[in-house]
Every structure is written in structure tokens, then in C-alpha cells.
Amino acid sequence: MAREYTDEFRNILVELYNLGKPLSYLSQEYGISKSTIISWIDRSKLSVANEYKAITKAEYQQTLEKMARLEEENEILKRATAIVARN
């Protein structure tokens, strides 16, 4: 059974890693696989959205998913408008 970790706990481990704690130490100390900790670290890395704001990879991925959903909704609305215009 997969364990659930709070965002606060994940952020603490990422911060400990960023402060210089070795990955192997964190893995042994907290009983979490290295690959899990690495995925948390990767998700917390910042990507530059523009010169004024930085976002995490997770936020960037959410933005891409939202954009795809909105584009799909837009296409549906275009088709519906065309159907209504014909009638």
C-alpha cells in the first residue's frame, strides 16, 4: 500500500536536500525510497514563466493540462456555434 505524504512533509525533505543533506541519508532516516525523494525534488524545481514570476514544474504541468482542456472546450463551442448558425 502506497503511503500518503503531506505537502509540508515533502517540502521539508526537499528543503533538507537543498540545504545539503545527502539523498542516501534522507532515504534511510525517513524510510522513503531515493526515487520518491528525487521526484519530489524535481517537482519543486523552478521554471521561469517570464521575467517576473517563477513556477514549479508541477504548476507548469497543471497549466499545460488546463490549456489543453480549454482548447478542447473552445473547439466544442465553435462546433456548437456553427450548428446553431445553420438553423
PDB file of N, CA and C in Angstrom:
ATOM      1  N   MET A   1       0.838  -1.176   0.000  1.00  0.00           N
ATOM      2  CA  MET A   1       0.000   0.000   0.000  1.00  0.00           C
ATOM      3  C   MET A   1       0.884   1.240   0.000  1.00  0.00           C
ATOM      4  N   ALA A   2       0.613   2.147  -0.903  1.00  0.00           N
ATOM      5  CA  ALA A   2       1.391   3.375  -1.015  1.00  0.00           C
ATOM      6  C   ALA A   2       1.033   4.312   0.133  1.00  0.00           C
ATOM      7  N   ARG A   3       2.054   4.936   0.706  1.00  0.00           N
ATOM      8  CA  ARG A   3       1.831   5.882   1.784  1.00  0.00           C
ATOM      9  C   ARG A   3       1.553   7.257   1.206  1.00  0.00           C
ATOM     10  N   GLU A   4       0.732   8.004   1.903  1.00  0.00           N
ATOM     11  CA  GLU A   4       0.432   9.381   1.514  1.00  0.00           C
ATOM     12  C   GLU A   4       1.267  10.308   2.380  1.00  0.00           C
ATOM     13  N   TYR A   5       1.907  11.268   1.765  1.00  0.00           N
ATOM     14  CA  TYR A   5       2.708  12.250   2.482  1.00  0.00           C
ATOM     15  C   TYR A   5       2.111  13.624   2.254  1.00  0.00           C
ATOM     16  N   THR A   6       2.137  14.439   3.290  1.00  0.00           N
ATOM     17  CA  THR A   6       1.608  15.795   3.151  1.00  0.00           C
ATOM     18  C   THR A   6       2.569  16.642   2.333  1.00  0.00           C
ATOM     19  N   ASP A   7       2.037  17.706   1.756  1.00  0.00           N
ATOM     20  CA  ASP A   7       2.881  18.639   1.006  1.00  0.00           C
ATOM     21  C   ASP A   7       3.935  19.244   1.923  1.00  0.00           C
ATOM     22  N   GLU A   8       3.558  19.515   3.158  1.00  0.00           N
ATOM     23  CA  GLU A   8       4.502  20.096   4.116  1.00  0.00           C
ATOM     24  C   GLU A   8       5.692  19.151   4.353  1.00  0.00           C
ATOM     25  N   PHE A   9       5.403  17.854   4.526  1.00  0.00           N
ATOM     26  CA  PHE A   9       6.462  16.869   4.731  1.00  0.00           C
ATOM     27  C   PHE A   9       7.377  16.788   3.509  1.00  0.00           C
ATOM     28  N   ARG A  10       6.779  16.750   2.327  1.00  0.00           N
ATOM     29  CA  ARG A  10       7.574  16.698   1.097  1.00  0.00           C
ATOM     30  C   ARG A  10       8.482  17.918   0.983  1.00  0.00           C
ATOM     31  N   ASN A  11       7.899  19.085   1.271  1.00  0.00           N
ATOM     32  CA  ASN A  11       8.669  20.329   1.186  1.00  0.00           C
ATOM     33  C   ASN A  11       9.822  20.349   2.180  1.00  0.00           C
ATOM     34  N   ILE A  12       9.607  19.798   3.359  1.00  0.00           N
ATOM     35  CA  ILE A  12      10.672  19.740   4.363  1.00  0.00           C
ATOM     36  C   ILE A  12      11.817  18.878   3.858  1.00  0.00           C
ATOM     37  N   LEU A  13      11.513  17.701   3.298  1.00  0.00           N
ATOM     38  CA  LEU A  13      12.573  16.836   2.789  1.00  0.00           C
ATOM     39  C   LEU A  13      13.309  17.485   1.624  1.00  0.00           C
ATOM     40  N   VAL A  14      12.591  18.158   0.749  1.00  0.00           N
ATOM     41  CA  VAL A  14      13.229  18.858  -0.374  1.00  0.00           C
ATOM     42  C   VAL A  14      14.145  19.946   0.165  1.00  0.00           C
ATOM     43  N   GLU A  15      13.671  20.672   1.163  1.00  0.00           N
ATOM     44  CA  GLU A  15      14.484  21.741   1.751  1.00  0.00           C
ATOM     45  C   GLU A  15      15.733  21.176   2.423  1.00  0.00           C
ATOM     46  N   LEU A  16      15.589  20.056   3.128  1.00  0.00           N
ATOM     47  CA  LEU A  16      16.757  19.411   3.741  1.00  0.00           C
ATOM     48  C   LEU A  16      17.772  19.022   2.671  1.00  0.00           C
ATOM     49  N   TYR A  17      17.284  18.489   1.564  1.00  0.00           N
ATOM     50  CA  TYR A  17      18.172  18.128   0.457  1.00  0.00           C
ATOM     51  C   TYR A  17      18.867  19.376  -0.084  1.00  0.00           C
ATOM     52  N   ASN A  18      18.092  20.447  -0.265  1.00  0.00           N
ATOM     53  CA  ASN A  18      18.655  21.694  -0.795  1.00  0.00           C
ATOM     54  C   ASN A  18      19.675  22.309   0.155  1.00  0.00           C
ATOM     55  N   LEU A  19      19.540  22.004   1.454  1.00  0.00           N
ATOM     56  CA  LEU A  19      20.486  22.516   2.442  1.00  0.00           C
ATOM     57  C   LEU A  19      21.733  21.649   2.565  1.00  0.00           C
ATOM     58  N   GLY A  20      21.787  20.559   1.788  1.00  0.00           N
ATOM     59  CA  GLY A  20      23.000  19.758   1.744  1.00  0.00           C
ATOM     60  C   GLY A  20      22.922  18.363   2.335  1.00  0.00           C
ATOM     61  N   LYS A  21      21.760  17.970   2.839  1.00  0.00           N
ATOM     62  CA  LYS A  21      21.640  16.608   3.363  1.00  0.00           C
ATOM     63  C   LYS A  21      21.696  15.638   2.182  1.00  0.00           C
ATOM     64  N   PRO A  22      22.528  14.591   2.302  1.00  0.00           N
ATOM     65  CA  PRO A  22      22.637  13.624   1.197  1.00  0.00           C
ATOM     66  C   PRO A  22      21.335  12.846   0.986  1.00  0.00           C
ATOM     67  N   LEU A  23      21.076  12.504  -0.246  1.00  0.00           N
ATOM     68  CA  LEU A  23      19.891  11.742  -0.605  1.00  0.00           C
ATOM     69  C   LEU A  23      19.846  10.419   0.148  1.00  0.00           C
ATOM     70  N   SER A  24      20.988   9.756   0.259  1.00  0.00           N
ATOM     71  CA  SER A  24      21.030   8.469   0.951  1.00  0.00           C
ATOM     72  C   SER A  24      20.654   8.617   2.429  1.00  0.00           C
ATOM     73  N   TYR A  25      21.090   9.718   3.049  1.00  0.00           N
ATOM     74  CA  TYR A  25      20.754   9.974   4.450  1.00  0.00           C
ATOM     75  C   TYR A  25      19.247  10.167   4.603  1.00  0.00           C
ATOM     76  N   LEU A  26      18.660  10.999   3.744  1.00  0.00           N
ATOM     77  CA  LEU A  26      17.225  11.262   3.824  1.00  0.00           C
ATOM     78  C   LEU A  26      16.417   9.987   3.606  1.00  0.00           C
ATOM     79  N   SER A  27      16.853   9.179   2.664  1.00  0.00           N
ATOM     80  CA  SER A  27      16.164   7.935   2.368  1.00  0.00           C
ATOM     81  C   SER A  27      16.183   7.001   3.572  1.00  0.00           C
ATOM     82  N   GLN A  28      17.343   6.840   4.179  1.00  0.00           N
ATOM     83  CA  GLN A  28      17.465   5.947   5.337  1.00  0.00           C
ATOM     84  C   GLN A  28      16.753   6.517   6.560  1.00  0.00           C
ATOM     85  N   GLU A  29      16.944   7.788   6.816  1.00  0.00           N
ATOM     86  CA  GLU A  29      16.389   8.426   8.010  1.00  0.00           C
ATOM     87  C   GLU A  29      14.862   8.409   8.034  1.00  0.00           C
ATOM     88  N   TYR A  30      14.245   8.627   6.873  1.00  0.00           N
ATOM     89  CA  TYR A  30      12.790   8.745   6.815  1.00  0.00           C
ATOM     90  C   TYR A  30      12.108   7.528   6.188  1.00  0.00           C
ATOM     91  N   GLY A  31      12.888   6.543   5.751  1.00  0.00           N
ATOM     92  CA  GLY A  31      12.318   5.313   5.203  1.00  0.00           C
ATOM     93  C   GLY A  31      11.573   5.518   3.897  1.00  0.00           C
ATOM     94  N   ILE A  32      12.092   6.410   3.074  1.00  0.00           N
ATOM     95  CA  ILE A  32      11.468   6.725   1.790  1.00  0.00           C
ATOM     96  C   ILE A  32      12.479   6.428   0.687  1.00  0.00           C
ATOM     97  N   SER A  33      12.023   5.847  -0.390  1.00  0.00           N
ATOM     98  CA  SER A  33      12.946   5.498  -1.467  1.00  0.00           C
ATOM     99  C   SER A  33      13.584   6.749  -2.068  1.00  0.00           C
ATOM    100  N   LYS A  34      14.792   6.575  -2.565  1.00  0.00           N
ATOM    101  CA  LYS A  34      15.505   7.684  -3.200  1.00  0.00           C
ATOM    102  C   LYS A  34      14.735   8.210  -4.401  1.00  0.00           C
ATOM    103  N   SER A  35      14.142   7.292  -5.168  1.00  0.00           N
ATOM    104  CA  SER A  35      13.417   7.725  -6.371  1.00  0.00           C
ATOM    105  C   SER A  35      12.208   8.596  -6.015  1.00  0.00           C
ATOM    106  N   THR A  36      11.563   8.299  -4.902  1.00  0.00           N
ATOM    107  CA  THR A  36      10.435   9.126  -4.461  1.00  0.00           C
ATOM    108  C   THR A  36      10.910  10.518  -4.095  1.00  0.00           C
ATOM    109  N   ILE A  37      11.991  10.593  -3.343  1.00  0.00           N
ATOM    110  CA  ILE A  37      12.536  11.889  -2.937  1.00  0.00           C
ATOM    111  C   ILE A  37      12.997  12.676  -4.157  1.00  0.00           C
ATOM    112  N   ILE A  38      13.636  12.000  -5.099  1.00  0.00           N
ATOM    113  CA  ILE A  38      14.091  12.669  -6.333  1.00  0.00           C
ATOM    114  C   ILE A  38      12.902  13.248  -7.092  1.00  0.00           C
ATOM    115  N   SER A  39      11.792  12.506  -7.150  1.00  0.00           N
ATOM    116  CA  SER A  39      10.615  13.031  -7.859  1.00  0.00           C
ATOM    117  C   SER A  39      10.076  14.268  -7.158  1.00  0.00           C
ATOM    118  N   TRP A  40      10.116  14.311  -5.826  1.00  0.00           N
ATOM    119  CA  TRP A  40       9.681  15.500  -5.090  1.00  0.00           C
ATOM    120  C   TRP A  40      10.604  16.672  -5.382  1.00  0.00           C
ATOM    121  N   ILE A  41      11.891  16.389  -5.444  1.00  0.00           N
ATOM    122  CA  ILE A  41      12.880  17.442  -5.732  1.00  0.00           C
ATOM    123  C   ILE A  41      12.645  18.001  -7.134  1.00  0.00           C
ATOM    124  N   ASP A  42      12.443  17.112  -8.100  1.00  0.00           N
ATOM    125  CA  ASP A  42      12.211  17.551  -9.488  1.00  0.00           C
ATOM    126  C   ASP A  42      10.960  18.410  -9.596  1.00  0.00           C
ATOM    127  N   ARG A  43       9.891  18.011  -8.899  1.00  0.00           N
ATOM    128  CA  ARG A  43       8.641  18.770  -8.968  1.00  0.00           C
ATOM    129  C   ARG A  43       8.757  20.140  -8.322  1.00  0.00           C
ATOM    130  N   SER A  44       9.702  20.263  -7.400  1.00  0.00           N
ATOM    131  CA  SER A  44       9.834  21.540  -6.687  1.00  0.00           C
ATOM    132  C   SER A  44      10.752  22.523  -7.403  1.00  0.00           C
ATOM    133  N   LYS A  45      11.489  22.054  -8.411  1.00  0.00           N
ATOM    134  CA  LYS A  45      12.405  22.940  -9.133  1.00  0.00           C
ATOM    135  C   LYS A  45      11.616  24.005  -9.867  1.00  0.00           C
ATOM    136  N   LEU A  46      12.190  25.179  -9.910  1.00  0.00           N
ATOM    137  CA  LEU A  46      11.512  26.301 -10.539  1.00  0.00           C
ATOM    138  C   LEU A  46      11.786  26.351 -12.029  1.00  0.00           C
ATOM    139  N   SER A  47      10.775  26.715 -12.759  1.00  0.00           N
ATOM    140  CA  SER A  47      10.888  27.029 -14.173  1.00  0.00           C
ATOM    141  C   SER A  47      10.516  28.496 -14.312  1.00  0.00           C
ATOM    142  N   VAL A  48      11.139  29.166 -15.232  1.00  0.00           N
ATOM    143  CA  VAL A  48      10.847  30.584 -15.396  1.00  0.00           C
ATOM    144  C   VAL A  48       9.677  30.737 -16.355  1.00  0.00           C
ATOM    145  N   ALA A  49       8.605  31.356 -15.869  1.00  0.00           N
ATOM    146  CA  ALA A  49       7.449  31.616 -16.720  1.00  0.00           C
ATOM    147  C   ALA A  49       7.683  32.884 -17.523  1.00  0.00           C
ATOM    148  N   ASN A  50       8.210  33.883 -16.869  1.00  0.00           N
ATOM    149  CA  ASN A  50       8.611  35.119 -17.516  1.00  0.00           C
ATOM    150  C   ASN A  50       9.568  35.825 -16.560  1.00  0.00           C
ATOM    151  N   GLU A  51       9.971  37.014 -16.873  1.00  0.00           N
ATOM    152  CA  GLU A  51      10.980  37.682 -16.057  1.00  0.00           C
ATOM    153  C   GLU A  51      10.467  38.092 -14.685  1.00  0.00           C
ATOM    154  N   TYR A  52       9.146  38.006 -14.452  1.00  0.00           N
ATOM    155  CA  TYR A  52       8.561  38.461 -13.193  1.00  0.00           C
ATOM    156  C   TYR A  52       8.112  37.337 -12.270  1.00  0.00           C
ATOM    157  N   LYS A  53       7.943  36.140 -12.777  1.00  0.00           N
ATOM    158  CA  LYS A  53       7.384  35.055 -11.969  1.00  0.00           C
ATOM    159  C   LYS A  53       8.052  33.729 -12.319  1.00  0.00           C
ATOM    160  N   ALA A  54       8.354  32.966 -11.290  1.00  0.00           N
ATOM    161  CA  ALA A  54       8.875  31.617 -11.472  1.00  0.00           C
ATOM    162  C   ALA A  54       7.820  30.633 -10.985  1.00  0.00           C
ATOM    163  N   ILE A  55       7.709  29.487 -11.666  1.00  0.00           N
ATOM    164  CA  ILE A  55       6.744  28.468 -11.271  1.00  0.00           C
ATOM    165  C   ILE A  55       7.444  27.122 -11.179  1.00  0.00           C
ATOM    166  N   THR A  56       6.851  26.199 -10.436  1.00  0.00           N
ATOM    167  CA  THR A  56       7.416  24.860 -10.319  1.00  0.00           C
ATOM    168  C   THR A  56       7.035  24.043 -11.543  1.00  0.00           C
ATOM    169  N   LYS A  57       7.714  22.919 -11.709  1.00  0.00           N
ATOM    170  CA  LYS A  57       7.380  22.027 -12.824  1.00  0.00           C
ATOM    171  C   LYS A  57       5.944  21.527 -12.702  1.00  0.00           C
ATOM    172  N   ALA A  58       5.513  21.260 -11.463  1.00  0.00           N
ATOM    173  CA  ALA A  58       4.144  20.782 -11.251  1.00  0.00           C
ATOM    174  C   ALA A  58       3.135  21.838 -11.680  1.00  0.00           C
ATOM    175  N   GLU A  59       3.391  23.101 -11.336  1.00  0.00           N
ATOM    176  CA  GLU A  59       2.497  24.184 -11.747  1.00  0.00           C
ATOM    177  C   GLU A  59       2.494  24.334 -13.263  1.00  0.00           C
ATOM    178  N   TYR A  60       3.650  24.186 -13.869  1.00  0.00           N
ATOM    179  CA  TYR A  60       3.753  24.279 -15.324  1.00  0.00           C
ATOM    180  C   TYR A  60       2.938  23.166 -15.984  1.00  0.00           C
ATOM    181  N   GLN A  61       3.049  21.948 -15.447  1.00  0.00           N
ATOM    182  CA  GLN A  61       2.304  20.815 -15.993  1.00  0.00           C
ATOM    183  C   GLN A  61       0.802  21.045 -15.840  1.00  0.00           C
ATOM    184  N   GLN A  62       0.379  21.566 -14.683  1.00  0.00           N
ATOM    185  CA  GLN A  62      -1.033  21.867 -14.477  1.00  0.00           C
ATOM    186  C   GLN A  62      -1.517  22.905 -15.477  1.00  0.00           C
ATOM    187  N   THR A  63      -0.694  23.886 -15.764  1.00  0.00           N
ATOM    188  CA  THR A  63      -1.044  24.929 -16.720  1.00  0.00           C
ATOM    189  C   THR A  63      -1.213  24.337 -18.117  1.00  0.00           C
ATOM    190  N   LEU A  64      -0.308  23.432 -18.499  1.00  0.00           N
ATOM    191  CA  LEU A  64      -0.422  22.790 -19.812  1.00  0.00           C
ATOM    192  C   LEU A  64      -1.707  21.970 -19.914  1.00  0.00           C
ATOM    193  N   GLU A  65      -2.039  21.236 -18.846  1.00  0.00           N
ATOM    194  CA  GLU A  65      -3.255  20.427 -18.845  1.00  0.00           C
ATOM    195  C   GLU A  65      -4.500  21.306 -18.929  1.00  0.00           C
ATOM    196  N   LYS A  66      -4.487  22.416 -18.196  1.00  0.00           N
ATOM    197  CA  LYS A  66      -5.619  23.339 -18.234  1.00  0.00           C
ATOM    198  C   LYS A  66      -5.773  23.945 -19.624  1.00  0.00           C
ATOM    199  N   MET A  67      -4.653  24.309 -20.230  1.00  0.00           N
ATOM    200  CA  MET A  67      -4.692  24.895 -21.565  1.00  0.00           C
ATOM    201  C   MET A  67      -5.258  23.891 -22.570  1.00  0.00           C
ATOM    202  N   ALA A  68      -4.863  22.635 -22.477  1.00  0.00           N
ATOM    203  CA  ALA A  68      -5.375  21.615 -23.390  1.00  0.00           C
ATOM    204  C   ALA A  68      -6.879  21.442 -23.207  1.00  0.00           C
ATOM    205  N   ARG A  69      -7.335  21.437 -21.952  1.00  0.00           N
ATOM    206  CA  ARG A  69      -8.766  21.301 -21.675  1.00  0.00           C
ATOM    207  C   ARG A  69      -9.544  22.493 -22.233  1.00  0.00           C
ATOM    208  N   LEU A  70      -9.004  23.697 -22.054  1.00  0.00           N
ATOM    209  CA  LEU A  70      -9.675  24.892 -22.565  1.00  0.00           C
ATOM    210  C   LEU A  70      -9.719  24.918 -24.085  1.00  0.00           C
ATOM    211  N   GLU A  71      -8.656  24.450 -24.731  1.00  0.00           N
ATOM    212  CA  GLU A  71      -8.649  24.379 -26.194  1.00  0.00           C
ATOM    213  C   GLU A  71      -9.712  23.401 -26.687  1.00  0.00           C
ATOM    214  N   GLU A  72      -9.861  22.285 -25.975  1.00  0.00           N
ATOM    215  CA  GLU A  72     -10.880  21.303 -26.342  1.00  0.00           C
ATOM    216  C   GLU A  72     -12.282  21.900 -26.171  1.00  0.00           C
ATOM    217  N   GLU A  73     -12.504  22.592 -25.057  1.00  0.00           N
ATOM    218  CA  GLU A  73     -13.795  23.243 -24.829  1.00  0.00           C
ATOM    219  C   GLU A  73     -14.071  24.290 -25.904  1.00  0.00           C
ATOM    220  N   ASN A  74     -13.051  25.022 -26.304  1.00  0.00           N
ATOM    221  CA  ASN A  74     -13.197  26.037 -27.339  1.00  0.00           C
ATOM    222  C   ASN A  74     -13.627  25.406 -28.661  1.00  0.00           C
ATOM    223  N   GLU A  75     -13.037  24.287 -29.004  1.00  0.00           N
ATOM    224  CA  GLU A  75     -13.409  23.592 -30.246  1.00  0.00           C
ATOM    225  C   GLU A  75     -14.859  23.128 -30.191  1.00  0.00           C
ATOM    226  N   ILE A  76     -15.291  22.633 -29.047  1.00  0.00           N
ATOM    227  CA  ILE A  76     -16.685  22.197 -28.884  1.00  0.00           C
ATOM    228  C   ILE A  76     -17.623  23.377 -29.071  1.00  0.00           C
ATOM    229  N   LEU A  77     -17.278  24.509 -28.471  1.00  0.00           N
ATOM    230  CA  LEU A  77     -18.112  25.708 -28.603  1.00  0.00           C
ATOM    231  C   LEU A  77     -18.150  26.204 -30.048  1.00  0.00           C
ATOM    232  N   LYS A  78     -17.048  26.126 -30.758  1.00  0.00           N
ATOM    233  CA  LYS A  78     -17.023  26.529 -32.167  1.00  0.00           C
ATOM    234  C   LYS A  78     -17.978  25.664 -32.979  1.00  0.00           C
ATOM    235  N   ARG A  79     -17.946  24.352 -32.742  1.00  0.00           N
ATOM    236  CA  ARG A  79     -18.836  23.436 -33.469  1.00  0.00           C
ATOM    237  C   ARG A  79     -20.301  23.722 -33.137  1.00  0.00           C
ATOM    238  N   ALA A  80     -20.568  23.973 -31.851  1.00  0.00           N
ATOM    239  CA  ALA A  80     -21.946  24.257 -31.426  1.00  0.00           C
ATOM    240  C   ALA A  80     -22.442  25.551 -32.061  1.00  0.00           C
ATOM    241  N   THR A  81     -21.577  26.541 -32.126  1.00  0.00           N
ATOM    242  CA  THR A  81     -21.942  27.825 -32.738  1.00  0.00           C
ATOM    243  C   THR A  81     -22.257  27.630 -34.220  1.00  0.00           C
ATOM    244  N   ALA A  82     -21.478  26.820 -34.888  1.00  0.00           N
ATOM    245  CA  ALA A  82     -21.703  26.566 -36.314  1.00  0.00           C
ATOM    246  C   ALA A  82     -23.043  25.852 -36.518  1.00  0.00           C
ATOM    247  N   ILE A  83     -23.384  24.926 -35.645  1.00  0.00           N
ATOM    248  CA  ILE A  83     -24.658  24.203 -35.754  1.00  0.00           C
ATOM    249  C   ILE A  83     -25.828  25.162 -35.537  1.00  0.00           C
ATOM    250  N   VAL A  84     -25.721  26.009 -34.519  1.00  0.00           N
ATOM    251  CA  VAL A  84     -26.796  26.954 -34.215  1.00  0.00           C
ATOM    252  C   VAL A  84     -26.928  27.973 -35.351  1.00  0.00           C
ATOM    253  N   ALA A  85     -25.835  28.406 -35.946  1.00  0.00           N
ATOM    254  CA  ALA A  85     -25.865  29.389 -37.021  1.00  0.00           C
ATOM    255  C   ALA A  85     -26.552  28.836 -38.258  1.00  0.00           C
ATOM    256  N   ARG A  86     -26.452  27.524 -38.478  1.00  0.00           N
ATOM    257  CA  ARG A  86     -27.104  26.897 -39.638  1.00  0.00           C
ATOM    258  C   ARG A  86     -28.605  26.843 -39.490  1.00  0.00           C
ATOM    259  N   ASN A  87     -29.088  26.803 -38.280  1.00  0.00           N
ATOM    260  CA  ASN A  87     -30.543  26.661 -38.042  1.00  0.00           C
ATOM    261  C   ASN A  87     -31.233  27.955 -37.970  1.00  0.00           C
TER     262      ASN A  87
END
